[in-house]
Each structure stands twice: as structure tokens, then as C-alpha cells.
Amino acid sequence: MVKILLALAFSAGKLGKFATTGLTMVISVFAYAFVFGVWYAVGFVLLILVHELGHYVAARQRGLEVGAPTFIPFVGAWIQLKDLPHDAETEAYVGIAGPVAGTAAAVACYFLARHYGSQLLLALAYAGFFLNLFNLIPVSPLDGGRITAILSPRVWLLGVPILAGLFLWRPSPMLLLIAVLAAPQLWRALRFDPAAPENQAYYTVAAGERLSYGLFYLGLAAYLAVMTYEVHEMLGSARAAGPR
């Protein structure tokens, strides 16, 4: 397995701007493998890659210059937008593409797990559903903040109690990092003036598009919440049953 990962890293070095993606993916696989095992680590990193490629493809479709995905173990991954979106609709389009692609990958793991009776694939499906649901929390810099900005940056304020509740439920340095990154955006939301010319230029979107994005966002969040709960219960039942 180590030889395979090193070969991937060497091959990535020949692909120019994708070298960083390949190398950081390999580093992430090694890091996760120490905690979760090799094959879970490989699947988990691939799930994150699919999510980020959703953003990448969407950004390219809208004519934005974008860097290849970069991974940081136990933090996640991101793509660098070298060209910023010109309006809130473009930002929402790029933002929602990641969770859509990530959800599709999680669904694939789920059905494969059911078909083959694989607990590994079921665990990966749970990770995919949960991570994409987490990313839909309506606060920037998470995807949910980029999507809900099409409604109003003030929606980001709804993400504060959600983050606080998650931290009380499962304290995590990652949540603290997100809170630090979100602080300037939350201050911006508090001071948001919809009548300001720059805000009108950026956030003026047709009512039909606002409604479409809003309904799709809520529908995707609801689906991910249901699937996260269902798969979590399935994993719990499997652990309780033990090996047969």
C-alpha cells in the first residue's frame, strides 16, 4: 500500500498544478490511516476530493480561475478561487456544487454498502453525509454561508447557535477554528446594509433564483440530516449485533 501511495505522489509531481493535490492527498491518507486504518483513510480522502471537485468544476463553468484542491489532515480541503465571484448567485452556485457532489459520492457508498454488506462502505457513507451536512451550516466560510448569502448575509447569524450547540455537544478545536474564521464575516453580517450600492450590485438576484436556491438548500440539508441519522442507526445496530 505504501508503494502505491508513493507512486501516486510521484505521478502527481508530473501533473503541474495538480501536484499539490496529489501530495497533500497522500499525506492526508497517511495521517488518517494511523487513526482509522488505511482503506477507510483512502475512502475518506476520496470523498473529500469529490466534494472539492464539485466546487472546482462549478467555478470553471462560471469562468472563474481556480486552483486545484489542497488537503490538510484533520481539517479538510479547499480550492483557491483566484477570481472572486462577481455576484451572489455565482457564489451560491459554486458553493452548493461541493455538497451536491459530496452527497452523490456518499449515496454511492451507501448503496454499495447495502449491496455488498460492507461496514467499511457504510461508515464512509455516514462520514460523507455528516461532513456535507456540517458544511451546510449557514455561516461563512462554510459552504452553507456561501449558499445562503444569496438570500442575505444576515442569514449567517443563524449559524452561530448551531456552531455553539455543536461545540457544547462535541467540543472540537476544528469548531473553534471555524468560529475564528467566521468572526469577520459575522461582523460583516451585523453591519450589512442592503441599500449600499456595492451590496445592491452584488446581492441583487431575481426572486425566482433566490427561491430556487433557498428551497434546494433546505431540501439538501433535510435529506442529509435524514441520511446521517439513518446510517448512524444502522452502524449502531451492526455494532450491537457484533460479528456473526
C-alpha atoms as a PDB file:
ATOM      1  CA  MET A   1       0.000   0.000   0.000  1.00  0.00           C
ATOM      2  CA  VAL A   2       2.857   2.366   0.833  1.00  0.00           C
ATOM      3  CA  LYS A   3       4.349   1.764  -2.625  1.00  0.00           C
ATOM      4  CA  ILE A   4       1.016   2.631  -4.229  1.00  0.00           C
ATOM      5  CA  LEU A   5       0.751   5.899  -2.280  1.00  0.00           C
ATOM      6  CA  LEU A   6       4.332   6.870  -3.130  1.00  0.00           C
ATOM      7  CA  ALA A   7       3.681   6.100  -6.783  1.00  0.00           C
ATOM      8  CA  LEU A   8       0.637   8.354  -6.687  1.00  0.00           C
ATOM      9  CA  ALA A   9       2.695  11.134  -5.163  1.00  0.00           C
ATOM     10  CA  PHE A  10       5.420  10.728  -7.819  1.00  0.00           C
ATOM     11  CA  SER A  11       2.849  10.749 -10.608  1.00  0.00           C
ATOM     12  CA  ALA A  12       1.187  13.839  -9.142  1.00  0.00           C
ATOM     13  CA  GLY A  13       4.514  15.654  -9.380  1.00  0.00           C
ATOM     14  CA  LYS A  14       4.299  15.392 -13.167  1.00  0.00           C
ATOM     15  CA  LEU A  15       0.867  16.993 -13.364  1.00  0.00           C
ATOM     16  CA  GLY A  16       1.839  20.586 -12.752  1.00  0.00           C
ATOM     17  CA  LYS A  17      -0.799  22.421 -10.735  1.00  0.00           C
ATOM     18  CA  PHE A  18      -2.280  19.126  -9.501  1.00  0.00           C
ATOM     19  CA  ALA A  19       0.987  18.158  -7.792  1.00  0.00           C
ATOM     20  CA  THR A  20      -0.082  19.830  -4.553  1.00  0.00           C
ATOM     21  CA  THR A  21      -3.386  17.977  -4.640  1.00  0.00           C
ATOM     22  CA  GLY A  22      -1.718  14.594  -5.076  1.00  0.00           C
ATOM     23  CA  LEU A  23       0.941  15.171  -2.458  1.00  0.00           C
ATOM     24  CA  THR A  24      -1.424  16.580   0.155  1.00  0.00           C
ATOM     25  CA  MET A  25      -3.873  13.733  -0.515  1.00  0.00           C
ATOM     26  CA  VAL A  26      -1.124  11.191   0.177  1.00  0.00           C
ATOM     27  CA  ILE A  27      -0.128  12.999   3.375  1.00  0.00           C
ATOM     28  CA  SER A  28      -3.768  13.059   4.478  1.00  0.00           C
ATOM     29  CA  VAL A  29      -4.194   9.340   3.756  1.00  0.00           C
ATOM     30  CA  PHE A  30      -1.135   8.551   5.882  1.00  0.00           C
ATOM     31  CA  ALA A  31      -2.407  10.753   8.723  1.00  0.00           C
ATOM     32  CA  TYR A  32      -5.938   9.324   8.732  1.00  0.00           C
ATOM     33  CA  ALA A  33      -4.616   5.764   8.342  1.00  0.00           C
ATOM     34  CA  PHE A  34      -2.864   5.960  11.714  1.00  0.00           C
ATOM     35  CA  VAL A  35      -6.236   6.593  13.364  1.00  0.00           C
ATOM     36  CA  PHE A  36      -8.837   4.871  11.171  1.00  0.00           C
ATOM     37  CA  GLY A  37      -6.960   2.325   9.068  1.00  0.00           C
ATOM     38  CA  VAL A  38      -5.700   2.529   5.509  1.00  0.00           C
ATOM     39  CA  TRP A  39      -8.805   1.704   3.491  1.00  0.00           C
ATOM     40  CA  TYR A  40     -11.083   3.988   5.478  1.00  0.00           C
ATOM     41  CA  ALA A  41      -8.470   6.742   5.090  1.00  0.00           C
ATOM     42  CA  VAL A  42      -8.338   6.252   1.315  1.00  0.00           C
ATOM     43  CA  GLY A  43     -12.132   6.315   1.023  1.00  0.00           C
ATOM     44  CA  PHE A  44     -12.470   9.327   3.306  1.00  0.00           C
ATOM     45  CA  VAL A  45      -9.935  11.382   1.350  1.00  0.00           C
ATOM     46  CA  LEU A  46     -11.615  10.429  -1.922  1.00  0.00           C
ATOM     47  CA  LEU A  47     -14.971  11.613  -0.540  1.00  0.00           C
ATOM     48  CA  ILE A  48     -13.408  14.968   0.295  1.00  0.00           C
ATOM     49  CA  LEU A  49     -11.822  15.098  -3.164  1.00  0.00           C
ATOM     50  CA  VAL A  50     -15.186  14.577  -4.869  1.00  0.00           C
ATOM     51  CA  HIS A  51     -16.673  17.388  -2.768  1.00  0.00           C
ATOM     52  CA  GLU A  52     -13.876  19.772  -3.736  1.00  0.00           C
ATOM     53  CA  LEU A  53     -14.023  18.789  -7.387  1.00  0.00           C
ATOM     54  CA  GLY A  54     -17.680  19.807  -7.325  1.00  0.00           C
ATOM     55  CA  HIS A  55     -16.568  23.323  -6.399  1.00  0.00           C
ATOM     56  CA  TYR A  56     -13.758  23.193  -8.955  1.00  0.00           C
ATOM     57  CA  VAL A  57     -15.979  22.200 -11.874  1.00  0.00           C
ATOM     58  CA  ALA A  58     -18.666  24.730 -10.928  1.00  0.00           C
ATOM     59  CA  ALA A  59     -16.115  27.541 -10.698  1.00  0.00           C
ATOM     60  CA  ARG A  60     -14.685  26.644 -14.091  1.00  0.00           C
ATOM     61  CA  GLN A  61     -18.194  26.528 -15.568  1.00  0.00           C
ATOM     62  CA  ARG A  62     -18.668  30.120 -14.453  1.00  0.00           C
ATOM     63  CA  GLY A  63     -15.349  31.178 -15.976  1.00  0.00           C
ATOM     64  CA  LEU A  64     -13.505  31.610 -12.670  1.00  0.00           C
ATOM     65  CA  GLU A  65      -9.796  30.871 -12.406  1.00  0.00           C
ATOM     66  CA  VAL A  66      -9.367  28.361  -9.621  1.00  0.00           C
ATOM     67  CA  GLY A  67      -6.550  26.385  -8.053  1.00  0.00           C
ATOM     68  CA  ALA A  68      -6.523  22.614  -7.602  1.00  0.00           C
ATOM     69  CA  PRO A  69      -7.754  21.183  -4.262  1.00  0.00           C
ATOM     70  CA  THR A  70      -5.338  21.272  -1.336  1.00  0.00           C
ATOM     71  CA  PHE A  71      -5.692  18.919   1.660  1.00  0.00           C
ATOM     72  CA  ILE A  72      -4.812  19.418   5.324  1.00  0.00           C
ATOM     73  CA  PRO A  73      -5.157  16.333   7.559  1.00  0.00           C
ATOM     74  CA  PHE A  74      -7.958  16.578  10.160  1.00  0.00           C
ATOM     75  CA  VAL A  75      -9.014  19.943   8.751  1.00  0.00           C
ATOM     76  CA  GLY A  76     -10.277  19.046   5.288  1.00  0.00           C
ATOM     77  CA  ALA A  77      -9.518  20.592   1.925  1.00  0.00           C
ATOM     78  CA  TRP A  78     -10.215  23.699  -0.093  1.00  0.00           C
ATOM     79  CA  ILE A  79      -9.800  25.177  -3.546  1.00  0.00           C
ATOM     80  CA  GLN A  80      -8.379  28.647  -4.035  1.00  0.00           C
ATOM     81  CA  LEU A  81     -10.590  30.942  -6.076  1.00  0.00           C
ATOM     82  CA  LYS A  82      -8.116  33.129  -7.935  1.00  0.00           C
ATOM     83  CA  ASP A  83     -11.059  35.048  -9.413  1.00  0.00           C
ATOM     84  CA  LEU A  84     -13.756  36.031  -6.935  1.00  0.00           C
ATOM     85  CA  PRO A  85     -17.419  35.561  -7.886  1.00  0.00           C
ATOM     86  CA  HIS A  86     -18.954  38.644  -9.474  1.00  0.00           C
ATOM     87  CA  ASP A  87     -22.336  38.262  -7.769  1.00  0.00           C
ATOM     88  CA  ALA A  88     -24.140  36.331  -5.040  1.00  0.00           C
ATOM     89  CA  GLU A  89     -25.731  33.887  -7.492  1.00  0.00           C
ATOM     90  CA  THR A  90     -22.333  32.784  -8.801  1.00  0.00           C
ATOM     91  CA  GLU A  91     -21.043  32.421  -5.247  1.00  0.00           C
ATOM     92  CA  ALA A  92     -24.074  30.288  -4.348  1.00  0.00           C
ATOM     93  CA  TYR A  93     -23.667  28.168  -7.496  1.00  0.00           C
ATOM     94  CA  VAL A  94     -20.035  27.380  -6.714  1.00  0.00           C
ATOM     95  CA  GLY A  95     -20.824  26.907  -3.032  1.00  0.00           C
ATOM     96  CA  ILE A  96     -23.639  24.400  -3.477  1.00  0.00           C
ATOM     97  CA  ALA A  97     -21.792  22.308  -6.081  1.00  0.00           C
ATOM     98  CA  GLY A  98     -19.458  20.840  -3.452  1.00  0.00           C
ATOM     99  CA  PRO A  99     -22.185  19.449  -1.170  1.00  0.00           C
ATOM    100  CA  VAL A 100     -24.107  18.165  -4.196  1.00  0.00           C
ATOM    101  CA  ALA A 101     -21.083  16.241  -5.490  1.00  0.00           C
ATOM    102  CA  GLY A 102     -20.174  15.086  -1.983  1.00  0.00           C
ATOM    103  CA  THR A 103     -23.721  13.896  -1.339  1.00  0.00           C
ATOM    104  CA  ALA A 104     -23.707  11.920  -4.589  1.00  0.00           C
ATOM    105  CA  ALA A 105     -20.487  10.198  -3.507  1.00  0.00           C
ATOM    106  CA  ALA A 106     -21.962   9.388  -0.086  1.00  0.00           C
ATOM    107  CA  VAL A 107     -25.104   7.976  -1.722  1.00  0.00           C
ATOM    108  CA  ALA A 108     -22.921   5.750  -3.923  1.00  0.00           C
ATOM    109  CA  CYS A 109     -21.116   4.447  -0.824  1.00  0.00           C
ATOM    110  CA  TYR A 110     -24.463   3.845   0.879  1.00  0.00           C
ATOM    111  CA  PHE A 111     -25.942   1.737  -1.916  1.00  0.00           C
ATOM    112  CA  LEU A 112     -22.708  -0.181  -2.420  1.00  0.00           C
ATOM    113  CA  ALA A 113     -22.612  -0.854   1.313  1.00  0.00           C
ATOM    114  CA  ARG A 114     -26.175  -2.175   1.249  1.00  0.00           C
ATOM    115  CA  HIS A 115     -25.463  -4.310  -1.817  1.00  0.00           C
ATOM    116  CA  TYR A 116     -22.238  -5.865  -0.556  1.00  0.00           C
ATOM    117  CA  GLY A 117     -22.961  -5.772   3.179  1.00  0.00           C
ATOM    118  CA  SER A 118     -19.816  -3.691   3.740  1.00  0.00           C
ATOM    119  CA  GLN A 119     -19.466  -1.956   7.091  1.00  0.00           C
ATOM    120  CA  LEU A 120     -16.483  -0.012   5.736  1.00  0.00           C
ATOM    121  CA  LEU A 121     -18.549   1.495   2.932  1.00  0.00           C
ATOM    122  CA  LEU A 122     -21.398   2.179   5.347  1.00  0.00           C
ATOM    123  CA  ALA A 123     -19.003   4.034   7.659  1.00  0.00           C
ATOM    124  CA  LEU A 124     -17.757   6.055   4.684  1.00  0.00           C
ATOM    125  CA  ALA A 125     -21.340   6.829   3.679  1.00  0.00           C
ATOM    126  CA  TYR A 126     -22.001   8.144   7.186  1.00  0.00           C
ATOM    127  CA  ALA A 127     -18.865  10.290   7.048  1.00  0.00           C
ATOM    128  CA  GLY A 128     -19.915  11.671   3.675  1.00  0.00           C
ATOM    129  CA  PHE A 129     -23.457  12.511   4.776  1.00  0.00           C
ATOM    130  CA  PHE A 130     -22.318  14.089   8.033  1.00  0.00           C
ATOM    131  CA  LEU A 131     -19.497  16.184   6.546  1.00  0.00           C
ATOM    132  CA  ASN A 132     -21.680  17.580   3.785  1.00  0.00           C
ATOM    133  CA  LEU A 133     -24.437  18.344   6.292  1.00  0.00           C
ATOM    134  CA  PHE A 134     -21.901  20.094   8.512  1.00  0.00           C
ATOM    135  CA  ASN A 135     -20.733  22.138   5.532  1.00  0.00           C
ATOM    136  CA  LEU A 136     -24.280  23.427   5.035  1.00  0.00           C
ATOM    137  CA  ILE A 137     -24.276  25.307   8.352  1.00  0.00           C
ATOM    138  CA  PRO A 138     -25.242  28.832   7.240  1.00  0.00           C
ATOM    139  CA  VAL A 139     -22.097  30.671   8.207  1.00  0.00           C
ATOM    140  CA  SER A 140     -19.156  31.743   6.067  1.00  0.00           C
ATOM    141  CA  PRO A 141     -16.554  30.324   5.333  1.00  0.00           C
ATOM    142  CA  LEU A 142     -18.560  27.070   5.233  1.00  0.00           C
ATOM    143  CA  ASP A 143     -20.428  26.257   2.035  1.00  0.00           C
ATOM    144  CA  GLY A 144     -23.740  26.987   3.716  1.00  0.00           C
ATOM    145  CA  GLY A 145     -22.649  30.578   4.243  1.00  0.00           C
ATOM    146  CA  ARG A 146     -21.773  30.984   0.580  1.00  0.00           C
ATOM    147  CA  ILE A 147     -25.091  29.499  -0.489  1.00  0.00           C
ATOM    148  CA  THR A 148     -27.338  31.438   1.895  1.00  0.00           C
ATOM    149  CA  ALA A 149     -25.620  34.728   1.051  1.00  0.00           C
ATOM    150  CA  ILE A 150     -27.902  34.800  -1.982  1.00  0.00           C
ATOM    151  CA  LEU A 151     -30.754  35.367   0.489  1.00  0.00           C
ATOM    152  CA  SER A 152     -28.889  37.766   2.774  1.00  0.00           C
ATOM    153  CA  PRO A 153     -25.582  37.750   4.683  1.00  0.00           C
ATOM    154  CA  ARG A 154     -27.715  38.206   7.812  1.00  0.00           C
ATOM    155  CA  VAL A 155     -28.680  34.542   7.489  1.00  0.00           C
ATOM    156  CA  TRP A 156     -25.149  33.803   8.689  1.00  0.00           C
ATOM    157  CA  LEU A 157     -26.237  34.844  12.169  1.00  0.00           C
ATOM    158  CA  LEU A 158     -28.375  31.682  12.291  1.00  0.00           C
ATOM    159  CA  GLY A 159     -25.187  29.651  12.121  1.00  0.00           C
ATOM    160  CA  VAL A 160     -23.938  30.992  15.459  1.00  0.00           C
ATOM    161  CA  PRO A 161     -26.279  28.981  17.729  1.00  0.00           C
ATOM    162  CA  ILE A 162     -25.723  25.899  15.553  1.00  0.00           C
ATOM    163  CA  LEU A 163     -21.940  26.128  15.954  1.00  0.00           C
ATOM    164  CA  ALA A 164     -22.336  26.825  19.677  1.00  0.00           C
ATOM    165  CA  GLY A 165     -24.619  23.826  20.090  1.00  0.00           C
ATOM    166  CA  LEU A 166     -22.210  21.558  18.229  1.00  0.00           C
ATOM    167  CA  PHE A 167     -19.329  22.742  20.393  1.00  0.00           C
ATOM    168  CA  LEU A 168     -21.284  22.024  23.583  1.00  0.00           C
ATOM    169  CA  TRP A 169     -22.243  18.603  22.235  1.00  0.00           C
ATOM    170  CA  ARG A 170     -18.810  17.658  20.868  1.00  0.00           C
ATOM    171  CA  PRO A 171     -16.064  20.170  21.806  1.00  0.00           C
ATOM    172  CA  SER A 172     -13.561  20.350  18.974  1.00  0.00           C
ATOM    173  CA  PRO A 173     -10.608  22.579  18.031  1.00  0.00           C
ATOM    174  CA  MET A 174     -11.964  22.499  14.472  1.00  0.00           C
ATOM    175  CA  LEU A 175     -15.133  24.267  15.594  1.00  0.00           C
ATOM    176  CA  LEU A 176     -13.039  26.912  17.319  1.00  0.00           C
ATOM    177  CA  LEU A 177     -11.052  27.423  14.107  1.00  0.00           C
ATOM    178  CA  ILE A 178     -14.263  27.845  12.126  1.00  0.00           C
ATOM    179  CA  ALA A 179     -15.534  30.336  14.713  1.00  0.00           C
ATOM    180  CA  VAL A 180     -12.335  32.389  14.370  1.00  0.00           C
ATOM    181  CA  LEU A 181     -12.593  32.358  10.568  1.00  0.00           C
ATOM    182  CA  ALA A 182     -16.282  33.208  10.708  1.00  0.00           C
ATOM    183  CA  ALA A 183     -15.932  36.137  13.129  1.00  0.00           C
ATOM    184  CA  PRO A 184     -15.144  38.802  10.484  1.00  0.00           C
ATOM    185  CA  GLN A 185     -17.992  37.539   8.306  1.00  0.00           C
ATOM    186  CA  LEU A 186     -20.421  37.659  11.221  1.00  0.00           C
ATOM    187  CA  TRP A 187     -19.379  41.241  11.937  1.00  0.00           C
ATOM    188  CA  ARG A 188     -19.998  41.989   8.277  1.00  0.00           C
ATOM    189  CA  ALA A 189     -23.456  40.406   8.563  1.00  0.00           C
ATOM    190  CA  LEU A 190     -24.283  42.544  11.587  1.00  0.00           C
ATOM    191  CA  ARG A 191     -23.332  45.698   9.681  1.00  0.00           C
ATOM    192  CA  PHE A 192     -24.898  44.606   6.391  1.00  0.00           C
ATOM    193  CA  ASP A 193     -26.714  47.447   4.629  1.00  0.00           C
ATOM    194  CA  PRO A 194     -28.829  46.156   1.732  1.00  0.00           C
ATOM    195  CA  ALA A 195     -29.221  49.723   0.438  1.00  0.00           C
ATOM    196  CA  ALA A 196     -25.472  50.262  -0.029  1.00  0.00           C
ATOM    197  CA  PRO A 197     -24.607  50.485  -3.758  1.00  0.00           C
ATOM    198  CA  GLU A 198     -21.910  47.796  -3.580  1.00  0.00           C
ATOM    199  CA  ASN A 199     -24.303  45.432  -1.809  1.00  0.00           C
ATOM    200  CA  GLN A 200     -27.078  46.096  -4.286  1.00  0.00           C
ATOM    201  CA  ALA A 201     -24.689  45.359  -7.139  1.00  0.00           C
ATOM    202  CA  TYR A 202     -23.515  42.080  -5.620  1.00  0.00           C
ATOM    203  CA  TYR A 203     -26.645  40.763  -3.899  1.00  0.00           C
ATOM    204  CA  THR A 204     -29.361  41.803  -6.346  1.00  0.00           C
ATOM    205  CA  VAL A 205     -30.756  38.478  -7.576  1.00  0.00           C
ATOM    206  CA  ALA A 206     -34.100  37.657  -9.164  1.00  0.00           C
ATOM    207  CA  ALA A 207     -36.704  36.463  -6.666  1.00  0.00           C
ATOM    208  CA  GLY A 208     -37.151  33.201  -8.561  1.00  0.00           C
ATOM    209  CA  GLU A 209     -33.449  32.374  -8.246  1.00  0.00           C
ATOM    210  CA  ARG A 210     -33.474  33.197  -4.544  1.00  0.00           C
ATOM    211  CA  LEU A 211     -36.434  30.883  -4.054  1.00  0.00           C
ATOM    212  CA  SER A 212     -34.836  28.089  -6.092  1.00  0.00           C
ATOM    213  CA  TYR A 213     -31.565  28.203  -4.188  1.00  0.00           C
ATOM    214  CA  GLY A 214     -33.351  28.516  -0.847  1.00  0.00           C
ATOM    215  CA  LEU A 215     -35.594  25.502  -1.468  1.00  0.00           C
ATOM    216  CA  PHE A 216     -32.749  23.408  -2.862  1.00  0.00           C
ATOM    217  CA  TYR A 217     -30.579  24.276   0.134  1.00  0.00           C
ATOM    218  CA  LEU A 218     -33.298  23.312   2.615  1.00  0.00           C
ATOM    219  CA  GLY A 219     -34.111  20.124   0.703  1.00  0.00           C
ATOM    220  CA  LEU A 220     -30.467  19.049   0.547  1.00  0.00           C
ATOM    221  CA  ALA A 221     -29.965  19.809   4.248  1.00  0.00           C
ATOM    222  CA  ALA A 222     -33.091  17.831   5.177  1.00  0.00           C
ATOM    223  CA  TYR A 223     -32.016  14.846   3.049  1.00  0.00           C
ATOM    224  CA  LEU A 224     -28.527  14.845   4.552  1.00  0.00           C
ATOM    225  CA  ALA A 225     -29.937  15.091   8.079  1.00  0.00           C
ATOM    226  CA  VAL A 226     -32.233  12.098   7.480  1.00  0.00           C
ATOM    227  CA  MET A 227     -29.485  10.006   5.889  1.00  0.00           C
ATOM    228  CA  THR A 228     -26.950  10.910   8.578  1.00  0.00           C
ATOM    229  CA  TYR A 229     -29.383   9.740  11.259  1.00  0.00           C
ATOM    230  CA  GLU A 230     -30.397   6.594   9.364  1.00  0.00           C
ATOM    231  CA  VAL A 231     -26.855   5.454   8.632  1.00  0.00           C
ATOM    232  CA  HIS A 232     -25.769   6.256  12.195  1.00  0.00           C
ATOM    233  CA  GLU A 233     -28.550   3.980  13.468  1.00  0.00           C
ATOM    234  CA  MET A 234     -27.547   1.248  11.014  1.00  0.00           C
ATOM    235  CA  LEU A 235     -23.936   1.390  12.213  1.00  0.00           C
ATOM    236  CA  GLY A 236     -25.109   1.277  15.838  1.00  0.00           C
ATOM    237  CA  SER A 237     -27.251  -1.789  15.148  1.00  0.00           C
ATOM    238  CA  ALA A 238     -24.365  -3.500  13.389  1.00  0.00           C
ATOM    239  CA  ARG A 239     -22.035  -2.851  16.339  1.00  0.00           C
ATOM    240  CA  ALA A 240     -24.656  -4.110  18.790  1.00  0.00           C
ATOM    241  CA  ALA A 241     -25.149  -7.303  16.770  1.00  0.00           C
ATOM    242  CA  GLY A 242     -21.411  -7.911  16.728  1.00  0.00           C
ATOM    243  CA  PRO A 243     -19.598 -10.352  14.457  1.00  0.00           C
ATOM    244  CA  ARG A 244     -21.658 -13.246  13.146  1.00  0.00           C
END
